[in-house]
């Protein structure tokens, strides 16, 4: 999805490690996705062991997003793309390129260019 599509751009432009780019972007993009497809987080939560959320998508979203944030913190993942060297003046071209990336097609909701810029 868009985590991967955006990570390709960051890594290419700033020579940042692909896995780290994905980890930095995951909570941002998943927060965005949760606004549009919260029901998909039920399966994600269950796969992560949060069976107690049952079929409650709001509880599932909360559990998943908190778990991602906690794991990133434990692993020392940078808090944002600025820490990877990203510059706001590059967000327009990064967004253009992310929107051309085939990985973006698998995102459960297709963002607009202004939304992709905001995600960066």
Protein backbone atom coordinates (compact mmCIF):
# COMPACT_ATOMS: atom_id res chain seq x y z
CA UNK A 1 0.00 0.00 0.00
CA UNK A 2 1.01 3.59 0.53
CA UNK A 3 3.47 2.79 3.31
CA UNK A 4 5.60 0.96 0.77
CA UNK A 5 4.95 3.40 -2.10
CA UNK A 6 6.04 6.33 0.06
CA UNK A 7 8.99 4.44 1.56
CA UNK A 8 10.37 3.79 -1.93
CA UNK A 9 10.49 7.55 -2.49
CA UNK A 10 12.11 8.41 0.83
CA UNK A 11 14.77 5.75 0.48
CA UNK A 12 15.56 6.77 -3.07
CA UNK A 13 15.76 10.48 -2.44
CA UNK A 14 17.44 10.48 0.96
CA UNK A 15 19.35 7.17 0.87
CA UNK A 16 17.48 5.99 3.96
CA UNK A 17 17.11 2.30 4.80
CA UNK A 18 13.95 0.87 3.25
CA UNK A 19 12.81 -0.95 6.39
CA UNK A 20 13.26 2.14 8.54
CA UNK A 21 11.30 4.23 6.03
CA UNK A 22 8.47 1.70 6.19
CA UNK A 23 8.51 1.68 9.98
CA UNK A 24 8.40 5.47 10.21
CA UNK A 25 5.51 5.68 7.73
CA UNK A 26 3.46 2.74 9.05
CA UNK A 27 1.73 4.55 11.93
CA UNK A 28 1.04 7.60 9.75
CA UNK A 29 -0.50 5.70 6.87
CA UNK A 30 -2.38 3.28 9.11
CA UNK A 31 -3.91 6.21 11.00
CA UNK A 32 -5.05 7.56 7.62
CA UNK A 33 -6.39 4.17 6.51
CA UNK A 34 -8.26 3.73 9.79
CA UNK A 35 -10.42 6.73 8.91
CA UNK A 36 -11.68 4.99 5.77
CA UNK A 37 -11.55 1.25 6.47
CA UNK A 38 -11.62 0.71 10.24
CA UNK A 39 -13.24 -2.68 9.78
CA UNK A 40 -10.01 -4.02 8.26
CA UNK A 41 -8.26 -3.43 11.56
CA UNK A 42 -10.30 -6.19 13.22
CA UNK A 43 -8.39 -8.88 11.34
CA UNK A 44 -5.10 -7.05 11.90
CA UNK A 45 -5.78 -6.80 15.64
CA UNK A 46 -6.70 -10.48 15.84
CA UNK A 47 -3.52 -11.44 13.92
CA UNK A 48 -1.53 -9.40 16.44
CA UNK A 49 -3.15 -11.30 19.31
CA UNK A 50 -5.71 -8.71 20.35
CA UNK A 51 -8.62 -11.13 20.37
CA UNK A 52 -10.36 -9.12 23.10
CA UNK A 53 -11.32 -6.43 20.56
CA UNK A 54 -13.86 -8.86 19.16
CA UNK A 55 -15.62 -7.29 16.20
CA UNK A 56 -15.30 -3.72 17.51
CA UNK A 57 -13.41 -1.78 14.84
CA UNK A 58 -12.76 1.23 17.11
CA UNK A 59 -11.09 -1.00 19.70
CA UNK A 60 -9.17 -2.78 16.94
CA UNK A 61 -7.86 0.48 15.47
CA UNK A 62 -6.77 1.70 18.90
CA UNK A 63 -5.00 -1.58 19.75
CA UNK A 64 -3.19 -1.80 16.42
CA UNK A 65 -2.06 1.83 16.30
CA UNK A 66 -0.85 1.73 19.92
CA UNK A 67 1.04 -1.51 19.28
CA UNK A 68 2.76 -0.07 16.22
CA UNK A 69 3.77 3.07 18.14
CA UNK A 70 5.04 1.00 21.07
CA UNK A 71 7.08 -1.29 18.84
CA UNK A 72 8.60 1.63 16.94
CA UNK A 73 9.58 3.26 20.22
CA UNK A 74 11.12 0.02 21.58
CA UNK A 75 13.12 -0.43 18.38
CA UNK A 76 14.34 3.17 18.31
CA UNK A 77 12.63 3.97 15.01
CA UNK A 78 12.88 7.69 14.22
CA UNK A 79 9.70 9.57 15.13
CA UNK A 80 9.18 11.15 11.71
CA UNK A 81 10.62 11.51 8.24
CA UNK A 82 12.42 14.74 9.14
CA UNK A 83 14.76 12.53 11.17
CA UNK A 84 15.54 10.70 7.90
CA UNK A 85 16.52 13.97 6.24
CA UNK A 86 13.21 14.65 4.49
CA UNK A 87 12.50 18.26 3.60
CA UNK A 88 9.02 19.77 3.17
CA UNK A 89 10.06 21.37 -0.11
CA UNK A 90 10.47 17.85 -1.53
CA UNK A 91 7.01 16.61 -0.49
CA UNK A 92 5.37 17.58 -3.80
CA UNK A 93 7.75 15.47 -5.91
CA UNK A 94 7.75 12.68 -3.32
CA UNK A 95 3.95 12.62 -3.52
CA UNK A 96 3.96 12.63 -7.34
CA UNK A 97 6.32 9.67 -7.39
CA UNK A 98 4.51 7.77 -4.63
CA UNK A 99 1.28 8.08 -6.59
CA UNK A 100 3.00 6.47 -9.60
CA UNK A 101 4.36 3.58 -7.51
CA UNK A 102 2.54 0.30 -8.18
CA UNK A 103 2.51 -0.56 -4.47
CA UNK A 104 0.06 2.26 -3.84
CA UNK A 105 -2.60 0.41 -5.82
CA UNK A 106 -2.98 -2.10 -2.99
CA UNK A 107 -3.82 0.52 -0.37
CA UNK A 108 -7.41 0.02 0.82
CA UNK A 109 -8.22 3.69 0.17
CA UNK A 110 -6.65 5.80 -2.56
CA UNK A 111 -5.48 9.19 -1.27
CA UNK A 112 -5.43 12.39 -3.28
CA UNK A 113 -2.15 14.17 -3.95
CA UNK A 114 -2.78 16.75 -1.20
CA UNK A 115 -3.43 13.86 1.19
CA UNK A 116 -0.17 12.15 0.22
CA UNK A 117 1.68 15.43 0.74
CA UNK A 118 0.06 15.67 4.18
CA UNK A 119 1.04 12.07 4.97
CA UNK A 120 4.67 12.93 4.21
